[in-house]
Amino acid sequence: MITKIYIEGQLIDTYDDEAMELNSSIANTDDITKINSDYTKTFTVPASSKNNRIFKHFYNADIDNTFDARTKKDAFIELGGLPFKTGKIRLDKVSVKKGKPSSYTINFWGNLVNFKELI
């Protein structure tokens, strides 16, 4: 099934063979501290020209006004062309090889945040 990921409305490039594992569970309402949102384990996306533009060349410290990796950005996932999950993406790191970016490592969280944090 074809998975597409959008960050702030922009489609990002992904690896064809990269697995994205989404954790989703039904809440245990007996303990409200355990009500969490869907999330992914970290996964990588290529440092393509499109992704470099979306992440505002985060790897280059000489560029002003780069991507703020401290904040989560609006995102959504499509499966097979149909909307699947909306939420937030956070940039964890960028891998640089021989002075050039090779990949970005990111996480996705669903819009339902940890209920404990809300209280």
C-alpha atoms as a PDB file:
ATOM      1  CA  MET A   1       0.000   0.000   0.000  1.00  0.00           C
ATOM      2  CA  ILE A   2       1.338   3.429  -0.915  1.00  0.00           C
ATOM      3  CA  THR A   3       1.958   5.691   2.066  1.00  0.00           C
ATOM      4  CA  LYS A   4       2.230   9.446   1.619  1.00  0.00           C
ATOM      5  CA  ILE A   5       3.250  11.874   4.341  1.00  0.00           C
ATOM      6  CA  TYR A   6       2.499  15.579   4.262  1.00  0.00           C
ATOM      7  CA  ILE A   7       4.155  18.173   6.498  1.00  0.00           C
ATOM      8  CA  GLU A   8       2.323  21.496   6.649  1.00  0.00           C
ATOM      9  CA  GLY A   9       0.519  20.522   3.445  1.00  0.00           C
ATOM     10  CA  GLN A  10       3.678  19.573   1.530  1.00  0.00           C
ATOM     11  CA  LEU A  11       4.215  16.008   0.328  1.00  0.00           C
ATOM     12  CA  ILE A  12       7.605  14.708   1.455  1.00  0.00           C
ATOM     13  CA  ASP A  13       9.750  12.186  -0.367  1.00  0.00           C
ATOM     14  CA  THR A  14      10.060   8.787   1.321  1.00  0.00           C
ATOM     15  CA  TYR A  15      12.155   5.696   0.733  1.00  0.00           C
ATOM     16  CA  ASP A  16      10.339   2.955  -1.174  1.00  0.00           C
ATOM     17  CA  ASP A  17      11.655   0.293   1.198  1.00  0.00           C
ATOM     18  CA  GLU A  18      11.449   2.214   4.510  1.00  0.00           C
ATOM     19  CA  ALA A  19       8.960   0.756   6.964  1.00  0.00           C
ATOM     20  CA  MET A  20       6.933   3.138   9.087  1.00  0.00           C
ATOM     21  CA  GLU A  21       5.491   1.404  12.130  1.00  0.00           C
ATOM     22  CA  LEU A  22       2.410   3.112  13.549  1.00  0.00           C
ATOM     23  CA  ASN A  23       1.379   2.222  17.104  1.00  0.00           C
ATOM     24  CA  SER A  24      -2.322   2.549  17.748  1.00  0.00           C
ATOM     25  CA  SER A  25      -4.318   1.247  20.670  1.00  0.00           C
ATOM     26  CA  ILE A  26      -7.714   1.460  22.278  1.00  0.00           C
ATOM     27  CA  ALA A  27      -7.504   3.450  25.485  1.00  0.00           C
ATOM     28  CA  ASN A  28      -7.789   1.902  28.921  1.00  0.00           C
ATOM     29  CA  THR A  29     -10.149   4.413  30.507  1.00  0.00           C
ATOM     30  CA  ASP A  30      -9.587   2.945  33.983  1.00  0.00           C
ATOM     31  CA  ASP A  31      -6.282   4.829  34.158  1.00  0.00           C
ATOM     32  CA  ILE A  32      -6.431   8.229  32.413  1.00  0.00           C
ATOM     33  CA  THR A  33      -2.648   8.605  32.606  1.00  0.00           C
ATOM     34  CA  LYS A  34      -2.360   5.832  30.007  1.00  0.00           C
ATOM     35  CA  ILE A  35      -4.547   7.433  27.341  1.00  0.00           C
ATOM     36  CA  ASN A  36      -2.092   8.251  24.560  1.00  0.00           C
ATOM     37  CA  SER A  37      -2.251   9.179  20.909  1.00  0.00           C
ATOM     38  CA  ASP A  38      -1.145   7.116  17.939  1.00  0.00           C
ATOM     39  CA  TYR A  39       2.555   7.481  17.177  1.00  0.00           C
ATOM     40  CA  THR A  40       5.310   6.057  15.018  1.00  0.00           C
ATOM     41  CA  LYS A  41       8.736   4.826  15.896  1.00  0.00           C
ATOM     42  CA  THR A  42      11.412   7.000  14.344  1.00  0.00           C
ATOM     43  CA  PHE A  43      11.797   6.552  10.612  1.00  0.00           C
ATOM     44  CA  THR A  44      14.005   8.114   7.988  1.00  0.00           C
ATOM     45  CA  VAL A  45      13.257  10.003   4.825  1.00  0.00           C
ATOM     46  CA  PRO A  46      15.821  10.907   2.161  1.00  0.00           C
ATOM     47  CA  ALA A  47      17.535  14.279   2.050  1.00  0.00           C
ATOM     48  CA  SER A  48      16.153  14.923  -1.430  1.00  0.00           C
ATOM     49  CA  SER A  49      15.981  18.437  -2.851  1.00  0.00           C
ATOM     50  CA  LYS A  50      12.258  18.547  -1.981  1.00  0.00           C
ATOM     51  CA  ASN A  51      12.820  17.397   1.629  1.00  0.00           C
ATOM     52  CA  ASN A  52      15.770  19.769   2.024  1.00  0.00           C
ATOM     53  CA  ARG A  53      13.450  22.588   0.979  1.00  0.00           C
ATOM     54  CA  ILE A  54      10.683  21.447   3.393  1.00  0.00           C
ATOM     55  CA  PHE A  55      13.155  21.075   6.278  1.00  0.00           C
ATOM     56  CA  LYS A  56      14.725  24.409   5.234  1.00  0.00           C
ATOM     57  CA  HIS A  57      18.230  22.954   4.916  1.00  0.00           C
ATOM     58  CA  PHE A  58      18.289  22.235   8.664  1.00  0.00           C
ATOM     59  CA  TYR A  59      21.708  20.561   8.287  1.00  0.00           C
ATOM     60  CA  ASN A  60      23.338  23.868   7.299  1.00  0.00           C
ATOM     61  CA  ALA A  61      24.096  26.049  10.338  1.00  0.00           C
ATOM     62  CA  ASP A  62      25.095  28.942   8.052  1.00  0.00           C
ATOM     63  CA  ILE A  63      21.504  29.474   6.851  1.00  0.00           C
ATOM     64  CA  ASP A  64      19.293  31.773   8.902  1.00  0.00           C
ATOM     65  CA  ASN A  65      15.621  30.982   9.525  1.00  0.00           C
ATOM     66  CA  THR A  66      16.010  27.214   9.260  1.00  0.00           C
ATOM     67  CA  PHE A  67      13.519  24.575  10.340  1.00  0.00           C
ATOM     68  CA  ASP A  68      12.777  24.712  14.088  1.00  0.00           C
ATOM     69  CA  ALA A  69      13.247  21.099  15.208  1.00  0.00           C
ATOM     70  CA  ARG A  70      12.142  22.004  18.746  1.00  0.00           C
ATOM     71  CA  THR A  71       8.529  22.311  17.598  1.00  0.00           C
ATOM     72  CA  LYS A  72       6.121  19.812  16.087  1.00  0.00           C
ATOM     73  CA  LYS A  73       4.669  20.627  12.681  1.00  0.00           C
ATOM     74  CA  ASP A  74       1.192  19.806  11.368  1.00  0.00           C
ATOM     75  CA  ALA A  75       1.193  16.606   9.335  1.00  0.00           C
ATOM     76  CA  PHE A  76      -1.041  13.899   7.942  1.00  0.00           C
ATOM     77  CA  ILE A  77      -0.621  10.438   6.498  1.00  0.00           C
ATOM     78  CA  GLU A  78      -2.435   8.954   3.517  1.00  0.00           C
ATOM     79  CA  LEU A  79      -2.701   5.233   2.837  1.00  0.00           C
ATOM     80  CA  GLY A  80      -3.608   4.200  -0.679  1.00  0.00           C
ATOM     81  CA  GLY A  81      -4.662   7.771  -1.486  1.00  0.00           C
ATOM     82  CA  LEU A  82      -7.120   7.983   1.435  1.00  0.00           C
ATOM     83  CA  PRO A  83      -6.671  10.129   4.568  1.00  0.00           C
ATOM     84  CA  PHE A  84      -5.453   7.933   7.441  1.00  0.00           C
ATOM     85  CA  LYS A  85      -4.114   9.981  10.377  1.00  0.00           C
ATOM     86  CA  THR A  86      -3.651  13.650  11.179  1.00  0.00           C
ATOM     87  CA  GLY A  87      -1.185  14.843  13.757  1.00  0.00           C
ATOM     88  CA  LYS A  88       2.269  16.309  14.208  1.00  0.00           C
ATOM     89  CA  ILE A  89       5.755  15.538  12.903  1.00  0.00           C
ATOM     90  CA  ARG A  90       8.960  16.308  14.772  1.00  0.00           C
ATOM     91  CA  LEU A  91      12.412  16.298  13.216  1.00  0.00           C
ATOM     92  CA  ASP A  92      14.771  14.267  15.416  1.00  0.00           C
ATOM     93  CA  LYS A  93      18.017  14.520  13.475  1.00  0.00           C
ATOM     94  CA  VAL A  94      19.688  14.844  10.129  1.00  0.00           C
ATOM     95  CA  SER A  95      22.433  12.477   8.987  1.00  0.00           C
ATOM     96  CA  VAL A  96      25.300  14.136   7.143  1.00  0.00           C
ATOM     97  CA  LYS A  97      27.877  12.213   5.110  1.00  0.00           C
ATOM     98  CA  LYS A  98      30.927  13.906   3.626  1.00  0.00           C
ATOM     99  CA  GLY A  99      29.418  17.332   4.353  1.00  0.00           C
ATOM    100  CA  LYS A 100      26.122  16.627   2.580  1.00  0.00           C
ATOM    101  CA  PRO A 101      22.795  15.594   4.107  1.00  0.00           C
ATOM    102  CA  SER A 102      21.803  11.991   3.462  1.00  0.00           C
ATOM    103  CA  SER A 103      18.589  11.539   5.485  1.00  0.00           C
ATOM    104  CA  TYR A 104      16.244  13.031   8.061  1.00  0.00           C
ATOM    105  CA  THR A 105      14.916  11.081  11.038  1.00  0.00           C
ATOM    106  CA  ILE A 106      11.372  12.021  12.081  1.00  0.00           C
ATOM    107  CA  ASN A 107       8.489  10.934  14.360  1.00  0.00           C
ATOM    108  CA  PHE A 108       4.733  11.238  13.904  1.00  0.00           C
ATOM    109  CA  TRP A 109       2.144  11.682  16.687  1.00  0.00           C
ATOM    110  CA  GLY A 110      -1.610  11.657  16.263  1.00  0.00           C
ATOM    111  CA  ASN A 111      -3.627  14.733  17.237  1.00  0.00           C
ATOM    112  CA  LEU A 112      -4.799  13.179  20.496  1.00  0.00           C
ATOM    113  CA  VAL A 113      -2.086  14.133  22.957  1.00  0.00           C
ATOM    114  CA  ASN A 114      -1.343  12.390  26.204  1.00  0.00           C
ATOM    115  CA  PHE A 115      -4.440  13.004  28.350  1.00  0.00           C
ATOM    116  CA  LYS A 116      -2.306  13.384  31.481  1.00  0.00           C
ATOM    117  CA  GLU A 117      -0.565  16.396  29.869  1.00  0.00           C
ATOM    118  CA  LEU A 118      -3.901  18.098  29.255  1.00  0.00           C
ATOM    119  CA  ILE A 119      -4.895  17.885  32.921  1.00  0.00           C
END
